[in-house]
Amino acid sequence: MSKLYFYYSTMNAGKSTILLQSSYNYRERGMRTLVFGPEIDDRFGKAKVSSRIGLSSDAIPFKPADNLFRITQREHDASCIHCVLVDEAQFLTKAQVRQLGDIADRLSIPVLAYGLRTDFQGNLFEGSQYLLAWADSLTEIKTICHCGRKATMVLRIDSEGRAVRDGEQIQIGGNDRYVTVCRRHFYEGLIERSSDQLPFEDLGN
């Protein structure tokens, strides 16, 4: 029976690279994959999934109102789909996570979703919340904090490298806006500092 898989991590753990490698493995064997990516993330051009090491692939952009089950069913009817892959799955809605489950259950197509678990305030994204609750398989993709410990959190930073404590949950950006850290440095980074305190990168030294 096909399953819904959720691969989660902080930023810069190589999620998109692993997704692209998985898609390549299927296609190398003559199988067709369907790759979804959020329309909101257009840093590398719309309808494209790209990794930091230079790999990329065309993708179907999705927005909150899209029905991923119907899109997949239409593509599957036209030409057999062997695997569905979703990049930045934290941006899925609750309904779309349910649709991914239906793809696995009703169309018998495995679904591999890759995304962040929590936002810059330590709160679950909607898509991640329901993937953690409903996915058949959960796998953590690990990376490390600057102190050498496992990074589990994401800090949003300003132009001076100081942690940002408030703002909209979704703000697209890369290494210039976000830093992956362990839990200790996440909480230290959120502490409001006076002007004579050390900048973020010196915390913990």
Protein backbone atom coordinates (compact mmCIF):
# COMPACT_ATOMS: atom_id res chain seq x y z
CA MET A 1 0.00 0.00 0.00
CA SER A 2 1.28 3.46 -0.89
CA LYS A 3 2.15 5.81 1.98
CA LEU A 4 2.40 9.51 2.82
CA TYR A 5 5.92 10.34 3.97
CA PHE A 6 6.99 13.52 5.76
CA TYR A 7 10.67 14.48 5.83
CA TYR A 8 11.16 17.46 8.14
CA SER A 9 14.06 19.57 9.35
CA THR A 10 15.28 23.09 9.93
CA MET A 11 16.54 25.20 7.03
CA ASN A 12 19.73 24.31 5.14
CA ALA A 13 19.48 20.59 5.92
CA GLY A 14 19.29 19.60 2.25
CA LYS A 15 15.56 18.86 1.94
CA SER A 16 15.28 20.06 -1.66
CA THR A 17 18.45 18.20 -2.63
CA ILE A 18 17.03 14.94 -1.25
CA LEU A 19 13.69 15.58 -2.99
CA LEU A 20 15.42 16.15 -6.32
CA GLN A 21 17.55 13.04 -5.88
CA SER A 22 14.44 10.97 -5.09
CA SER A 23 12.69 12.29 -8.19
CA TYR A 24 15.77 11.55 -10.29
CA ASN A 25 15.91 7.97 -8.99
CA TYR A 26 12.34 7.35 -10.17
CA ARG A 27 12.88 8.98 -13.56
CA GLU A 28 16.14 7.13 -14.14
CA ARG A 29 14.08 3.93 -14.03
CA GLY A 30 11.58 5.23 -16.56
CA MET A 31 8.98 6.26 -14.00
CA ARG A 32 7.10 9.56 -14.00
CA THR A 33 7.09 11.85 -10.98
CA LEU A 34 4.99 14.89 -10.15
CA VAL A 35 6.74 17.65 -8.19
CA PHE A 36 4.81 20.37 -6.37
CA GLY A 37 6.33 23.60 -5.05
CA PRO A 38 4.66 26.59 -3.33
CA GLU A 39 3.78 29.46 -5.64
CA ILE A 40 4.74 31.92 -2.87
CA ASP A 41 8.43 30.91 -3.04
CA ASP A 42 9.66 32.35 -6.33
CA ARG A 43 13.30 32.94 -5.37
CA PHE A 44 14.49 30.56 -8.11
CA GLY A 45 11.72 31.31 -10.60
CA LYS A 46 8.14 30.13 -10.60
CA ALA A 47 7.37 26.45 -11.18
CA LYS A 48 10.84 25.30 -10.13
CA VAL A 49 12.40 23.50 -7.18
CA SER A 50 16.07 24.30 -6.63
CA SER A 51 18.69 23.24 -4.12
CA ARG A 52 21.60 25.22 -2.72
CA ILE A 53 24.09 22.94 -4.51
CA GLY A 54 22.72 23.82 -7.94
CA LEU A 55 20.23 21.04 -8.70
CA SER A 56 16.80 22.02 -10.00
CA SER A 57 13.62 20.62 -11.49
CA ASP A 58 10.42 21.93 -12.99
CA ALA A 59 7.47 21.82 -10.61
CA ILE A 60 3.76 22.51 -10.46
CA PRO A 61 3.23 25.63 -8.30
CA PHE A 62 0.52 25.29 -5.65
CA LYS A 63 -1.42 27.91 -3.73
CA PRO A 64 -3.78 27.42 -0.75
CA ALA A 65 -6.92 27.11 -2.89
CA ASP A 66 -5.53 24.33 -5.12
CA ASN A 67 -6.79 20.77 -4.83
CA LEU A 68 -3.66 18.62 -5.09
CA PHE A 69 -5.66 15.41 -5.35
CA ARG A 70 -7.56 16.60 -8.41
CA ILE A 71 -4.41 17.92 -10.07
CA THR A 72 -2.64 14.61 -9.48
CA GLN A 73 -5.62 12.57 -10.62
CA ARG A 74 -5.81 14.54 -13.86
CA GLU A 75 -2.09 14.07 -14.52
CA HIS A 76 -2.29 10.39 -13.57
CA ASP A 77 -5.18 9.80 -15.98
CA ALA A 78 -3.15 11.37 -18.78
CA SER A 79 0.04 9.44 -18.02
CA CYS A 80 0.79 7.16 -15.07
CA ILE A 81 2.34 8.92 -12.06
CA HIS A 82 4.63 6.75 -9.93
CA CYS A 83 5.47 9.23 -7.17
CA VAL A 84 4.33 12.67 -5.96
CA LEU A 85 6.88 14.94 -4.26
CA VAL A 86 6.15 18.19 -2.41
CA ASP A 87 8.76 20.83 -1.64
CA GLU A 88 8.31 23.35 1.22
CA ALA A 89 5.41 21.29 2.53
CA GLN A 90 5.02 23.55 5.57
CA PHE A 91 3.05 25.89 3.29
CA LEU A 92 0.31 23.29 2.70
CA THR A 93 -3.12 23.83 4.19
CA LYS A 94 -4.86 21.27 6.39
CA ALA A 95 -7.12 20.39 3.45
CA GLN A 96 -4.13 19.86 1.16
CA VAL A 97 -2.45 17.50 3.61
CA ARG A 98 -5.68 15.49 3.59
CA GLN A 99 -5.54 15.53 -0.22
CA LEU A 100 -2.01 14.12 -0.14
CA GLY A 101 -3.29 11.30 2.03
CA ASP A 102 -6.03 10.65 -0.52
CA ILE A 103 -3.43 10.47 -3.29
CA ALA A 104 -1.67 7.68 -1.39
CA ASP A 105 -4.86 5.92 -0.30
CA ARG A 106 -7.14 6.29 -3.33
CA LEU A 107 -4.69 6.56 -6.22
CA SER A 108 -2.07 4.23 -4.70
CA ILE A 109 0.72 6.73 -5.43
CA PRO A 110 3.42 7.27 -2.78
CA VAL A 111 3.72 10.89 -1.62
CA LEU A 112 6.99 12.34 -0.32
CA ALA A 113 6.60 15.70 1.42
CA TYR A 114 9.59 17.77 2.56
CA GLY A 115 9.35 20.80 4.82
CA LEU A 116 10.16 22.76 7.94
CA ARG A 117 8.63 21.70 11.21
CA THR A 118 8.48 25.06 13.02
CA ASP A 119 8.64 28.76 12.18
CA PHE A 120 10.97 31.49 13.51
CA GLN A 121 8.95 31.70 16.75
CA GLY A 122 9.03 27.97 17.41
CA ASN A 123 5.42 27.39 16.33
CA LEU A 124 4.27 24.66 13.96
CA PHE A 125 3.33 25.59 10.42
CA GLU A 126 -0.16 24.43 9.42
CA GLY A 127 1.11 22.01 6.82
CA SER A 128 3.72 20.55 9.14
CA GLN A 129 1.21 20.20 11.99
CA TYR A 130 -1.07 17.96 9.98
CA LEU A 131 1.71 16.06 8.26
CA LEU A 132 3.11 15.21 11.69
CA ALA A 133 -0.37 14.07 12.71
CA TRP A 134 -1.42 12.18 9.58
CA ALA A 135 1.66 10.98 7.67
CA ASP A 136 2.39 7.25 7.67
CA SER A 137 6.12 7.81 8.04
CA LEU A 138 8.07 10.63 9.73
CA THR A 139 11.78 11.18 9.12
CA GLU A 140 13.97 13.94 10.51
CA ILE A 141 16.68 15.31 8.23
CA LYS A 142 19.41 16.53 10.55
CA THR A 143 21.80 19.45 10.47
CA ILE A 144 23.87 21.29 13.08
CA CYS A 145 23.92 24.57 14.98
CA HIS A 146 27.00 26.82 14.93
CA CYS A 147 27.88 25.38 18.36
CA GLY A 148 28.06 21.84 16.97
CA ARG A 149 24.85 20.51 18.50
CA LYS A 150 21.90 19.32 16.45
CA ALA A 151 19.91 22.23 15.04
CA THR A 152 16.17 21.90 15.60
CA MET A 153 14.96 25.52 15.33
CA VAL A 154 15.04 28.47 12.94
CA LEU A 155 15.75 32.08 13.86
CA ARG A 156 14.79 35.00 11.63
CA ILE A 157 17.47 37.69 11.64
CA ASP A 158 17.68 41.31 10.58
CA SER A 159 20.35 42.98 8.43
CA GLU A 160 22.71 43.17 11.45
CA GLY A 161 22.38 39.49 12.29
CA ARG A 162 20.13 40.06 15.32
CA ALA A 163 17.19 37.75 16.00
CA VAL A 164 13.75 39.03 15.02
CA ARG A 165 11.10 38.20 17.61
CA ASP A 166 7.88 39.37 15.92
CA GLY A 167 6.32 39.51 12.45
CA GLU A 168 4.33 37.53 9.92
CA GLN A 169 4.83 33.77 10.05
CA ILE A 170 5.65 33.50 6.36
CA GLN A 171 8.48 35.62 4.98
CA ILE A 172 10.46 34.08 2.15
CA GLY A 173 14.22 34.25 2.48
CA GLY A 174 17.49 32.34 2.62
CA ASN A 175 20.67 32.59 4.66
CA ASP A 176 20.34 36.37 4.72
CA ARG A 177 17.11 36.09 6.72
CA TYR A 178 17.28 32.81 8.64
CA VAL A 179 19.74 30.87 10.80
CA THR A 180 19.41 27.27 11.94
CA VAL A 181 20.20 26.77 15.63
CA CYS A 182 19.84 24.38 18.55
CA ARG A 183 17.13 24.92 21.16
CA ARG A 184 19.49 26.72 23.57
CA HIS A 185 20.60 29.30 21.03
CA PHE A 186 17.05 29.70 19.75
CA TYR A 187 15.81 30.83 23.15
CA GLU A 188 18.89 32.96 23.78
CA GLY A 189 18.37 34.59 20.41
CA LEU A 190 14.79 35.55 21.29
CA ILE A 191 15.83 37.34 24.47
CA GLU A 192 15.49 41.09 24.04
CA ARG A 193 18.96 42.61 24.29
CA SER A 194 20.06 46.07 25.23
CA SER A 195 22.48 48.03 23.05
CA ASP A 196 25.54 46.81 24.95
CA GLN A 197 24.76 43.11 24.50
CA LEU A 198 26.59 40.86 22.06
CA PRO A 199 25.30 40.36 18.52
CA PHE A 200 23.63 37.04 17.72
CA GLU A 201 26.67 35.34 16.27
CA ASP A 202 28.59 35.77 19.53
CA LEU A 203 25.99 34.09 21.73
CA GLY A 204 27.24 31.09 23.64
CA ASN A 205 30.94 31.93 23.30
